[in-house]
Amino acid sequence: PTVAYIGWFGPRGLASVVFGLLVAEENLHGADLIGHVVAITVGLSVLL
C-alpha cells in the first residue's frame, strides 16, 4: 500500500506546462501533437 501510495502521487504540473510551451516554439513537425499530449495529461492529473 505504501509503494502504491507513493506511485500514485506523482502529479504533473507547472514544469510539464513550461517544457511543453518551449517545445511549441521549436521547429518540430510534431509540436502540435506533443502539446496536446502534454495538455491532456496535465489536465487529467489536475483532476484526478
All heavy atoms as atom14 arrays in JSON, in Angstrom:
{
  "sequence": "PTVAYIGWFGPRGLASVVFGLLVAEENLHGADLIGHVVAITVGLSVLL",
  "atom14_mask": [
    [1, 1, 1, 1, 1, 1, 1, 0, 0, 0, 0, 0, 0, 0],
    [1, 1, 1, 1, 1, 1, 1, 0, 0, 0, 0, 0, 0, 0],
    [1, 1, 1, 1, 1, 1, 1, 0, 0, 0, 0, 0, 0, 0],
    [1, 1, 1, 1, 1, 0, 0, 0, 0, 0, 0, 0, 0, 0],
    [1, 1, 1, 1, 1, 1, 1, 1, 1, 1, 1, 1, 0, 0],
    [1, 1, 1, 1, 1, 1, 1, 1, 0, 0, 0, 0, 0, 0],
    [1, 1, 1, 1, 0, 0, 0, 0, 0, 0, 0, 0, 0, 0],
    [1, 1, 1, 1, 1, 1, 1, 1, 1, 1, 1, 1, 1, 1],
    [1, 1, 1, 1, 1, 1, 1, 1, 1, 1, 1, 0, 0, 0],
    [1, 1, 1, 1, 0, 0, 0, 0, 0, 0, 0, 0, 0, 0],
    [1, 1, 1, 1, 1, 1, 1, 0, 0, 0, 0, 0, 0, 0],
    [1, 1, 1, 1, 1, 1, 1, 1, 1, 1, 1, 0, 0, 0],
    [1, 1, 1, 1, 0, 0, 0, 0, 0, 0, 0, 0, 0, 0],
    [1, 1, 1, 1, 1, 1, 1, 1, 0, 0, 0, 0, 0, 0],
    [1, 1, 1, 1, 1, 0, 0, 0, 0, 0, 0, 0, 0, 0],
    [1, 1, 1, 1, 1, 1, 0, 0, 0, 0, 0, 0, 0, 0],
    [1, 1, 1, 1, 1, 1, 1, 0, 0, 0, 0, 0, 0, 0],
    [1, 1, 1, 1, 1, 1, 1, 0, 0, 0, 0, 0, 0, 0],
    [1, 1, 1, 1, 1, 1, 1, 1, 1, 1, 1, 0, 0, 0],
    [1, 1, 1, 1, 0, 0, 0, 0, 0, 0, 0, 0, 0, 0],
    [1, 1, 1, 1, 1, 1, 1, 1, 0, 0, 0, 0, 0, 0],
    [1, 1, 1, 1, 1, 1, 1, 1, 0, 0, 0, 0, 0, 0],
    [1, 1, 1, 1, 1, 1, 1, 0, 0, 0, 0, 0, 0, 0],
    [1, 1, 1, 1, 1, 0, 0, 0, 0, 0, 0, 0, 0, 0],
    [1, 1, 1, 1, 1, 1, 1, 1, 1, 0, 0, 0, 0, 0],
    [1, 1, 1, 1, 1, 1, 1, 1, 1, 0, 0, 0, 0, 0],
    [1, 1, 1, 1, 1, 1, 1, 1, 0, 0, 0, 0, 0, 0],
    [1, 1, 1, 1, 1, 1, 1, 1, 0, 0, 0, 0, 0, 0],
    [1, 1, 1, 1, 1, 1, 1, 1, 1, 1, 0, 0, 0, 0],
    [1, 1, 1, 1, 0, 0, 0, 0, 0, 0, 0, 0, 0, 0],
    [1, 1, 1, 1, 1, 0, 0, 0, 0, 0, 0, 0, 0, 0],
    [1, 1, 1, 1, 1, 1, 1, 1, 0, 0, 0, 0, 0, 0],
    [1, 1, 1, 1, 1, 1, 1, 1, 0, 0, 0, 0, 0, 0],
    [1, 1, 1, 1, 1, 1, 1, 1, 0, 0, 0, 0, 0, 0],
    [1, 1, 1, 1, 0, 0, 0, 0, 0, 0, 0, 0, 0, 0],
    [1, 1, 1, 1, 1, 1, 1, 1, 1, 1, 0, 0, 0, 0],
    [1, 1, 1, 1, 1, 1, 1, 0, 0, 0, 0, 0, 0, 0],
    [1, 1, 1, 1, 1, 1, 1, 0, 0, 0, 0, 0, 0, 0],
    [1, 1, 1, 1, 1, 0, 0, 0, 0, 0, 0, 0, 0, 0],
    [1, 1, 1, 1, 1, 1, 1, 1, 0, 0, 0, 0, 0, 0],
    [1, 1, 1, 1, 1, 1, 1, 0, 0, 0, 0, 0, 0, 0],
    [1, 1, 1, 1, 1, 1, 1, 0, 0, 0, 0, 0, 0, 0],
    [1, 1, 1, 1, 0, 0, 0, 0, 0, 0, 0, 0, 0, 0],
    [1, 1, 1, 1, 1, 1, 1, 1, 0, 0, 0, 0, 0, 0],
    [1, 1, 1, 1, 1, 1, 0, 0, 0, 0, 0, 0, 0, 0],
    [1, 1, 1, 1, 1, 1, 1, 0, 0, 0, 0, 0, 0, 0],
    [1, 1, 1, 1, 1, 1, 1, 1, 0, 0, 0, 0, 0, 0],
    [1, 1, 1, 1, 1, 1, 1, 1, 0, 0, 0, 0, 0, 0]
  ],
  "atom14_positions": [
    [[0.81, -1.23, 0.0], [0.0, 0.0, 0.0], [0.84, 1.27, 0.0], [0.46, 2.28, -0.6], [-0.83, -0.12, 1.28], [-0.91, -1.59, 1.54], [0.43, -2.12, 1.11], [0.0, 0.0, 0.0], [0.0, 0.0, 0.0], [0.0, 0.0, 0.0], [0.0, 0.0, 0.0], [0.0, 0.0, 0.0], [0.0, 0.0, 0.0], [0.0, 0.0, 0.0]],
    [[1.99, 1.22, 0.66], [2.87, 2.4, 0.69], [3.48, 2.65, -0.68], [3.53, 3.8, -1.15], [3.99, 2.2, 1.73], [3.41, 2.04, 3.02], [4.93, 3.39, 1.73], [0.0, 0.0, 0.0], [0.0, 0.0, 0.0], [0.0, 0.0, 0.0], [0.0, 0.0, 0.0], [0.0, 0.0, 0.0], [0.0, 0.0, 0.0], [0.0, 0.0, 0.0]],
    [[3.96, 1.6, -1.33], [4.53, 1.75, -2.67], [3.48, 2.28, -3.64], [3.77, 3.15, -4.47], [5.11, 0.41, -3.16], [5.61, 0.53, -4.6], [6.25, -0.04, -2.25], [0.0, 0.0, 0.0], [0.0, 0.0, 0.0], [0.0, 0.0, 0.0], [0.0, 0.0, 0.0], [0.0, 0.0, 0.0], [0.0, 0.0, 0.0], [0.0, 0.0, 0.0]],
    [[2.25, 1.76, -3.53], [1.17, 2.23, -4.39], [0.85, 3.7, -4.12], [0.58, 4.48, -5.05], [-0.07, 1.37, -4.19], [0.0, 0.0, 0.0], [0.0, 0.0, 0.0], [0.0, 0.0, 0.0], [0.0, 0.0, 0.0], [0.0, 0.0, 0.0], [0.0, 0.0, 0.0], [0.0, 0.0, 0.0], [0.0, 0.0, 0.0], [0.0, 0.0, 0.0]],
    [[0.88, 4.09, -2.85], [0.6, 5.48, -2.48], [1.65, 6.42, -3.06], [1.32, 7.46, -3.67], [0.58, 5.59, -0.95], [0.17, 6.94, -0.42], [-1.16, 7.31, -0.33], [1.13, 7.85, 0.02], [-1.54, 8.54, 0.18], [0.77, 9.08, 0.53], [-0.57, 9.42, 0.6], [-0.93, 10.66, 1.1], [0.0, 0.0, 0.0], [0.0, 0.0, 0.0]],
    [[2.91, 6.07, -2.91], [3.99, 6.89, -3.47], [3.88, 6.93, -4.99], [4.06, 7.97, -5.62], [5.36, 6.34, -3.03], [5.54, 6.49, -1.53], [6.49, 7.07, -3.77], [6.81, 5.84, -0.98], [0.0, 0.0, 0.0], [0.0, 0.0, 0.0], [0.0, 0.0, 0.0], [0.0, 0.0, 0.0], [0.0, 0.0, 0.0], [0.0, 0.0, 0.0]],
    [[3.58, 5.78, -5.59], [3.49, 5.72, -7.04], [2.36, 6.55, -7.6], [2.51, 7.21, -8.64], [0.0, 0.0, 0.0], [0.0, 0.0, 0.0], [0.0, 0.0, 0.0], [0.0, 0.0, 0.0], [0.0, 0.0, 0.0], [0.0, 0.0, 0.0], [0.0, 0.0, 0.0], [0.0, 0.0, 0.0], [0.0, 0.0, 0.0], [0.0, 0.0, 0.0]],
    [[1.22, 6.55, -6.92], [0.09, 7.3, -7.44], [0.33, 8.8, -7.36], [-0.01, 9.55, -8.27], [-1.19, 6.95, -6.69], [-2.34, 7.85, -7.02], [-3.0, 8.72, -6.2], [-2.97, 8.01, -8.31], [-3.98, 9.4, -6.87], [-3.99, 8.99, -8.16], [-2.77, 7.44, -9.56], [-4.8, 9.39, -9.23], [-3.57, 7.84, -10.62], [-4.57, 8.8, -10.44]],
    [[0.92, 9.26, -6.27], [1.06, 10.7, -6.1], [2.32, 11.21, -6.8], [3.32, 11.58, -6.17], [1.01, 11.09, -4.62], [-0.38, 11.08, -4.1], [-0.8, 10.09, -3.24], [-1.31, 12.0, -4.55], [-2.1, 10.05, -2.79], [-2.62, 11.97, -4.11], [-3.02, 10.99, -3.22], [0.0, 0.0, 0.0], [0.0, 0.0, 0.0], [0.0, 0.0, 0.0]],
    [[2.2, 11.24, -8.13], [3.19, 11.86, -8.98], [2.49, 12.82, -9.91], [2.49, 12.63, -11.14], [0.0, 0.0, 0.0], [0.0, 0.0, 0.0], [0.0, 0.0, 0.0], [0.0, 0.0, 0.0], [0.0, 0.0, 0.0], [0.0, 0.0, 0.0], [0.0, 0.0, 0.0], [0.0, 0.0, 0.0], [0.0, 0.0, 0.0], [0.0, 0.0, 0.0]],
    [[1.84, 13.88, -9.38], [1.06, 14.8, -10.23], [1.95, 15.51, -11.24], [3.11, 15.81, -10.98], [0.48, 15.81, -9.23], [0.65, 15.19, -7.88], [1.84, 14.3, -7.97], [0.0, 0.0, 0.0], [0.0, 0.0, 0.0], [0.0, 0.0, 0.0], [0.0, 0.0, 0.0], [0.0, 0.0, 0.0], [0.0, 0.0, 0.0], [0.0, 0.0, 0.0]],
    [[1.41, 15.77, -12.42], [2.12, 16.56, -13.43], [1.58, 17.99, -13.39], [0.37, 18.19, -13.31], [1.91, 15.98, -14.83], [2.18, 14.51, -14.95], [3.55, 14.08, -14.39], [3.93, 12.78, -14.89], [3.54, 11.62, -14.38], [2.73, 11.6, -13.34], [3.95, 10.48, -14.9], [0.0, 0.0, 0.0], [0.0, 0.0, 0.0], [0.0, 0.0, 0.0]],
    [[2.47, 18.96, -13.46], [2.02, 20.33, -13.32], [2.85, 21.34, -14.06], [3.1, 21.21, -15.26], [0.0, 0.0, 0.0], [0.0, 0.0, 0.0], [0.0, 0.0, 0.0], [0.0, 0.0, 0.0], [0.0, 0.0, 0.0], [0.0, 0.0, 0.0], [0.0, 0.0, 0.0], [0.0, 0.0, 0.0], [0.0, 0.0, 0.0], [0.0, 0.0, 0.0]],
    [[3.35, 22.35, -13.32], [3.96, 23.53, -13.91], [5.14, 23.21, -14.81], [5.25, 23.74, -15.91], [4.39, 24.49, -12.8], [5.05, 25.79, -13.26], [4.05, 26.64, -14.04], [5.61, 26.56, -12.08], [0.0, 0.0, 0.0], [0.0, 0.0, 0.0], [0.0, 0.0, 0.0], [0.0, 0.0, 0.0], [0.0, 0.0, 0.0], [0.0, 0.0, 0.0]],
    [[6.06, 22.34, -14.36], [7.25, 22.06, -15.16], [6.86, 21.48, -16.52], [7.43, 21.86, -17.56], [8.18, 21.09, -14.42], [0.0, 0.0, 0.0], [0.0, 0.0, 0.0], [0.0, 0.0, 0.0], [0.0, 0.0, 0.0], [0.0, 0.0, 0.0], [0.0, 0.0, 0.0], [0.0, 0.0, 0.0], [0.0, 0.0, 0.0], [0.0, 0.0, 0.0]],
    [[5.9, 20.57, -16.55], [5.46, 19.98, -17.81], [4.84, 21.03, -18.73], [5.06, 21.01, -19.95], [4.44, 18.86, -17.55], [5.03, 17.79, -16.84], [0.0, 0.0, 0.0], [0.0, 0.0, 0.0], [0.0, 0.0, 0.0], [0.0, 0.0, 0.0], [0.0, 0.0, 0.0], [0.0, 0.0, 0.0], [0.0, 0.0, 0.0], [0.0, 0.0, 0.0]],
    [[4.09, 21.96, -18.16], [3.49, 23.04, -18.96], [4.57, 23.91, -19.58], [4.52, 24.23, -20.78], [2.55, 23.91, -18.09], [2.07, 25.13, -18.87], [1.36, 23.08, -17.62], [0.0, 0.0, 0.0], [0.0, 0.0, 0.0], [0.0, 0.0, 0.0], [0.0, 0.0, 0.0], [0.0, 0.0, 0.0], [0.0, 0.0, 0.0], [0.0, 0.0, 0.0]],
    [[5.59, 24.27, -18.79], [6.67, 25.12, -19.31], [7.45, 24.4, -20.4], [7.71, 24.96, -21.48], [7.63, 25.54, -18.17], [8.8, 26.31, -18.74], [6.89, 26.39, -17.16], [0.0, 0.0, 0.0], [0.0, 0.0, 0.0], [0.0, 0.0, 0.0], [0.0, 0.0, 0.0], [0.0, 0.0, 0.0], [0.0, 0.0, 0.0], [0.0, 0.0, 0.0]],
    [[7.81, 23.15, -20.16], [8.55, 22.4, -21.17], [7.73, 22.26, -22.46], [8.27, 22.34, -23.56], [8.93, 21.02, -20.64], [9.86, 21.05, -19.45], [9.96, 19.95, -18.61], [10.61, 22.16, -19.16], [10.81, 19.97, -17.52], [11.46, 22.2, -18.07], [11.56, 21.1, -17.24], [0.0, 0.0, 0.0], [0.0, 0.0, 0.0], [0.0, 0.0, 0.0]],
    [[6.43, 22.03, -22.29], [5.57, 21.92, -23.47], [5.52, 23.2, -24.27], [5.53, 23.19, -25.51], [0.0, 0.0, 0.0], [0.0, 0.0, 0.0], [0.0, 0.0, 0.0], [0.0, 0.0, 0.0], [0.0, 0.0, 0.0], [0.0, 0.0, 0.0], [0.0, 0.0, 0.0], [0.0, 0.0, 0.0], [0.0, 0.0, 0.0], [0.0, 0.0, 0.0]],
    [[5.48, 24.35, -23.58], [5.48, 25.64, -24.27], [6.8, 25.89, -24.99], [6.83, 26.44, -26.1], [5.2, 26.77, -23.28], [3.75, 26.95, -22.84], [3.67, 27.95, -21.7], [2.89, 27.4, -24.0], [0.0, 0.0, 0.0], [0.0, 0.0, 0.0], [0.0, 0.0, 0.0], [0.0, 0.0, 0.0], [0.0, 0.0, 0.0], [0.0, 0.0, 0.0]],
    [[7.91, 25.5, -24.37], [9.21, 25.67, -25.01], [9.3, 24.83, -26.29], [9.85, 25.29, -27.3], [10.32, 25.28, -24.04], [10.49, 26.17, -22.8], [11.59, 25.62, -21.9], [10.8, 27.6, -23.19], [0.0, 0.0, 0.0], [0.0, 0.0, 0.0], [0.0, 0.0, 0.0], [0.0, 0.0, 0.0], [0.0, 0.0, 0.0], [0.0, 0.0, 0.0]],
    [[8.75, 23.63, -26.24], [8.75, 22.78, -27.44], [7.89, 23.39, -28.53], [8.21, 23.31, -29.72], [8.26, 21.36, -27.08], [7.96, 20.56, -28.34], [9.3, 20.65, -26.24], [0.0, 0.0, 0.0], [0.0, 0.0, 0.0], [0.0, 0.0, 0.0], [0.0, 0.0, 0.0], [0.0, 0.0, 0.0], [0.0, 0.0, 0.0], [0.0, 0.0, 0.0]],
    [[6.77, 24.03, -28.15], [5.86, 24.62, -29.13], [6.54, 25.7, -29.95], [6.13, 25.98, -31.09], [4.63, 25.19, -28.43], [0.0, 0.0, 0.0], [0.0, 0.0, 0.0], [0.0, 0.0, 0.0], [0.0, 0.0, 0.0], [0.0, 0.0, 0.0], [0.0, 0.0, 0.0], [0.0, 0.0, 0.0], [0.0, 0.0, 0.0], [0.0, 0.0, 0.0]],
    [[7.59, 26.31, -29.41], [8.29, 27.37, -30.12], [9.45, 26.85, -30.97], [10.1, 27.62, -31.66], [8.8, 28.41, -29.12], [7.69, 29.12, -28.37], [8.2, 30.27, -27.55], [9.43, 30.41, -27.43], [7.38, 31.04, -27.04], [0.0, 0.0, 0.0], [0.0, 0.0, 0.0], [0.0, 0.0, 0.0], [0.0, 0.0, 0.0], [0.0, 0.0, 0.0]],
    [[9.69, 25.56, -30.89], [10.76, 24.98, -31.68], [10.25, 24.52, -33.04], [9.05, 24.38, -33.26], [11.37, 23.78, -30.93], [12.01, 24.12, -29.6], [13.33, 24.89, -29.76], [13.84, 24.96, -30.9], [13.85, 25.39, -28.75], [0.0, 0.0, 0.0], [0.0, 0.0, 0.0], [0.0, 0.0, 0.0], [0.0, 0.0, 0.0], [0.0, 0.0, 0.0]],
    [[11.17, 24.28, -33.94], [10.82, 23.87, -35.3], [10.64, 22.36, -35.36], [11.47, 21.62, -35.89], [11.93, 24.32, -36.27], [11.58, 24.0, -37.71], [10.4, 23.9, -38.07], [12.6, 23.81, -38.54], [0.0, 0.0, 0.0], [0.0, 0.0, 0.0], [0.0, 0.0, 0.0], [0.0, 0.0, 0.0], [0.0, 0.0, 0.0], [0.0, 0.0, 0.0]],
    [[9.53, 21.88, -34.78], [9.24, 20.45, -34.73], [7.95, 20.17, -35.5], [6.93, 20.83, -35.27], [9.06, 19.98, -33.28], [10.24, 20.17, -32.33], [9.88, 19.64, -30.95], [11.47, 19.47, -32.85], [0.0, 0.0, 0.0], [0.0, 0.0, 0.0], [0.0, 0.0, 0.0], [0.0, 0.0, 0.0], [0.0, 0.0, 0.0], [0.0, 0.0, 0.0]],
    [[7.98, 19.15, -36.34], [6.77, 18.83, -37.09], [5.71, 18.21, -36.19], [4.52, 18.27, -36.47], [7.11, 17.88, -38.25], [7.19, 16.45, -37.86], [8.3, 15.9, -37.25], [6.28, 15.44, -37.99], [8.09, 14.62, -37.03], [6.87, 14.31, -37.47], [0.0, 0.0, 0.0], [0.0, 0.0, 0.0], [0.0, 0.0, 0.0], [0.0, 0.0, 0.0]],
    [[6.14, 17.64, -35.07], [5.19, 17.03, -34.14], [4.86, 17.89, -32.95], [4.32, 17.4, -31.95], [0.0, 0.0, 0.0], [0.0, 0.0, 0.0], [0.0, 0.0, 0.0], [0.0, 0.0, 0.0], [0.0, 0.0, 0.0], [0.0, 0.0, 0.0], [0.0, 0.0, 0.0], [0.0, 0.0, 0.0], [0.0, 0.0, 0.0], [0.0, 0.0, 0.0]],
    [[5.13, 19.21, -33.03], [4.92, 20.09, -31.88], [3.47, 20.13, -31.43], [3.17, 20.14, -30.24], [5.41, 21.5, -32.22], [0.0, 0.0, 0.0], [0.0, 0.0, 0.0], [0.0, 0.0, 0.0], [0.0, 0.0, 0.0], [0.0, 0.0, 0.0], [0.0, 0.0, 0.0], [0.0, 0.0, 0.0], [0.0, 0.0, 0.0], [0.0, 0.0, 0.0]],
    [[2.53, 20.14, -32.4], [1.12, 20.2, -32.03], [0.69, 18.96, -31.26], [0.0, 19.06, -30.24], [0.24, 20.36, -33.29], [0.36, 21.75, -33.9], [0.81, 22.67, -33.18], [0.01, 21.91, -35.09], [0.0, 0.0, 0.0], [0.0, 0.0, 0.0], [0.0, 0.0, 0.0], [0.0, 0.0, 0.0], [0.0, 0.0, 0.0], [0.0, 0.0, 0.0]],
    [[1.1, 17.79, -31.74], [0.74, 16.56, -31.06], [1.35, 16.5, -29.67], [0.7, 16.11, -28.69], [1.17, 15.35, -31.89], [0.91, 13.96, -31.27], [-0.56, 13.79, -30.94], [1.41, 12.87, -32.2], [0.0, 0.0, 0.0], [0.0, 0.0, 0.0], [0.0, 0.0, 0.0], [0.0, 0.0, 0.0], [0.0, 0.0, 0.0], [0.0, 0.0, 0.0]],
    [[2.61, 16.89, -29.57], [3.27, 16.91, -28.26], [2.53, 17.84, -27.31], [2.27, 17.5, -26.15], [4.74, 17.35, -28.4], [5.54, 16.31, -29.18], [5.37, 17.58, -27.03], [6.96, 16.72, -29.49], [0.0, 0.0, 0.0], [0.0, 0.0, 0.0], [0.0, 0.0, 0.0], [0.0, 0.0, 0.0], [0.0, 0.0, 0.0], [0.0, 0.0, 0.0]],
    [[2.14, 19.01, -27.81], [1.41, 19.96, -26.98], [0.08, 19.41, -26.5], [-0.31, 19.6, -25.35], [0.0, 0.0, 0.0], [0.0, 0.0, 0.0], [0.0, 0.0, 0.0], [0.0, 0.0, 0.0], [0.0, 0.0, 0.0], [0.0, 0.0, 0.0], [0.0, 0.0, 0.0], [0.0, 0.0, 0.0], [0.0, 0.0, 0.0], [0.0, 0.0, 0.0]],
    [[-0.63, 18.71, -27.38], [-1.92, 18.13, -27.0], [-1.76, 17.04, -25.95], [-2.53, 16.96, -24.99], [-2.63, 17.57, -28.24], [-3.01, 18.63, -29.23], [-3.17, 18.37, -30.58], [-3.24, 19.96, -29.08], [-3.49, 19.49, -31.19], [-3.53, 20.46, -30.3], [0.0, 0.0, 0.0], [0.0, 0.0, 0.0], [0.0, 0.0, 0.0], [0.0, 0.0, 0.0]],
    [[-0.74, 16.2, -26.11], [-0.49, 15.13, -25.15], [-0.15, 15.71, -23.78], [-0.68, 15.26, -22.74], [0.65, 14.21, -25.64], [1.04, 13.22, -24.55], [0.22, 13.45, -26.89], [0.0, 0.0, 0.0], [0.0, 0.0, 0.0], [0.0, 0.0, 0.0], [0.0, 0.0, 0.0], [0.0, 0.0, 0.0], [0.0, 0.0, 0.0], [0.0, 0.0, 0.0]],
    [[0.72, 16.71, -23.76], [1.1, 17.33, -22.5], [-0.1, 17.99, -21.84], [-0.33, 17.83, -20.63], [2.23, 18.35, -22.73], [2.5, 19.16, -21.46], [3.5, 17.64, -23.18], [0.0, 0.0, 0.0], [0.0, 0.0, 0.0], [0.0, 0.0, 0.0], [0.0, 0.0, 0.0], [0.0, 0.0, 0.0], [0.0, 0.0, 0.0], [0.0, 0.0, 0.0]],
    [[-0.88, 18.72, -22.62], [-2.03, 19.43, -22.05], [-3.05, 18.46, -21.46], [-3.55, 18.67, -20.34], [-2.69, 20.3, -23.13], [0.0, 0.0, 0.0], [0.0, 0.0, 0.0], [0.0, 0.0, 0.0], [0.0, 0.0, 0.0], [0.0, 0.0, 0.0], [0.0, 0.0, 0.0], [0.0, 0.0, 0.0], [0.0, 0.0, 0.0], [0.0, 0.0, 0.0]],
    [[-3.38, 17.4, -22.18], [-4.38, 16.44, -21.69], [-3.86, 15.72, -20.45], [-4.61, 15.51, -19.48], [-4.73, 15.43, -22.79], [-5.42, 16.14, -23.96], [-5.62, 14.33, -22.25], [-6.72, 16.82, -23.6], [0.0, 0.0, 0.0], [0.0, 0.0, 0.0], [0.0, 0.0, 0.0], [0.0, 0.0, 0.0], [0.0, 0.0, 0.0], [0.0, 0.0, 0.0]],
    [[-2.58, 15.35, -20.45], [-2.02, 14.65, -19.3], [-2.03, 15.53, -18.06], [-2.43, 15.09, -16.96], [-0.59, 14.18, -19.59], [-0.59, 13.36, -20.77], [-0.03, 13.37, -18.43], [0.0, 0.0, 0.0], [0.0, 0.0, 0.0], [0.0, 0.0, 0.0], [0.0, 0.0, 0.0], [0.0, 0.0, 0.0], [0.0, 0.0, 0.0], [0.0, 0.0, 0.0]],
    [[-1.59, 16.78, -18.19], [-1.59, 17.7, -17.05], [-3.02, 17.97, -16.59], [-3.31, 17.98, -15.38], [-0.87, 19.01, -17.4], [-1.02, 20.02, -16.27], [0.61, 18.76, -17.67], [0.0, 0.0, 0.0], [0.0, 0.0, 0.0], [0.0, 0.0, 0.0], [0.0, 0.0, 0.0], [0.0, 0.0, 0.0], [0.0, 0.0, 0.0], [0.0, 0.0, 0.0]],
    [[-3.93, 18.17, -17.53], [-5.32, 18.41, -17.15], [-5.92, 17.24, -16.41], [-6.63, 17.42, -15.39], [0.0, 0.0, 0.0], [0.0, 0.0, 0.0], [0.0, 0.0, 0.0], [0.0, 0.0, 0.0], [0.0, 0.0, 0.0], [0.0, 0.0, 0.0], [0.0, 0.0, 0.0], [0.0, 0.0, 0.0], [0.0, 0.0, 0.0], [0.0, 0.0, 0.0]],
    [[-5.64, 16.02, -16.88], [-6.15, 14.83, -16.2], [-5.53, 14.69, -14.81], [-6.21, 14.29, -13.85], [-5.84, 13.6, -17.05], [-6.46, 12.27, -16.59], [-7.98, 12.34, -16.61], [-5.97, 11.12, -17.48], [0.0, 0.0, 0.0], [0.0, 0.0, 0.0], [0.0, 0.0, 0.0], [0.0, 0.0, 0.0], [0.0, 0.0, 0.0], [0.0, 0.0, 0.0]],
    [[-4.25, 15.02, -14.71], [-3.58, 14.96, -13.42], [-4.18, 15.95, -12.43], [-4.39, 15.63, -11.25], [-2.08, 15.23, -13.59], [-1.42, 15.22, -12.34], [0.0, 0.0, 0.0], [0.0, 0.0, 0.0], [0.0, 0.0, 0.0], [0.0, 0.0, 0.0], [0.0, 0.0, 0.0], [0.0, 0.0, 0.0], [0.0, 0.0, 0.0], [0.0, 0.0, 0.0]],
    [[-4.43, 17.17, -12.88], [-5.05, 18.17, -12.02], [-6.37, 17.65, -11.45], [-6.66, 17.78, -10.25], [-5.28, 19.48, -12.79], [-6.2, 20.42, -12.01], [-3.95, 20.17, -13.07], [0.0, 0.0, 0.0], [0.0, 0.0, 0.0], [0.0, 0.0, 0.0], [0.0, 0.0, 0.0], [0.0, 0.0, 0.0], [0.0, 0.0, 0.0], [0.0, 0.0, 0.0]],
    [[-7.16, 17.01, -12.31], [-8.46, 16.5, -11.88], [-8.31, 15.3, -10.94], [-8.87, 15.29, -9.83], [-9.28, 16.1, -13.11], [-10.64, 15.45, -12.84], [-11.56, 16.42, -12.11], [-11.28, 14.98, -14.13], [0.0, 0.0, 0.0], [0.0, 0.0, 0.0], [0.0, 0.0, 0.0], [0.0, 0.0, 0.0], [0.0, 0.0, 0.0], [0.0, 0.0, 0.0]],
    [[-7.57, 14.28, -11.35], [-7.51, 13.04, -10.58], [-6.7, 13.18, -9.3], [-7.13, 12.74, -8.23], [-6.92, 11.93, -11.46], [-7.74, 11.54, -12.69], [-7.06, 10.4, -13.44], [-9.16, 11.14, -12.3], [0.0, 0.0, 0.0], [0.0, 0.0, 0.0], [0.0, 0.0, 0.0], [0.0, 0.0, 0.0], [0.0, 0.0, 0.0], [0.0, 0.0, 0.0]]
  ]
}
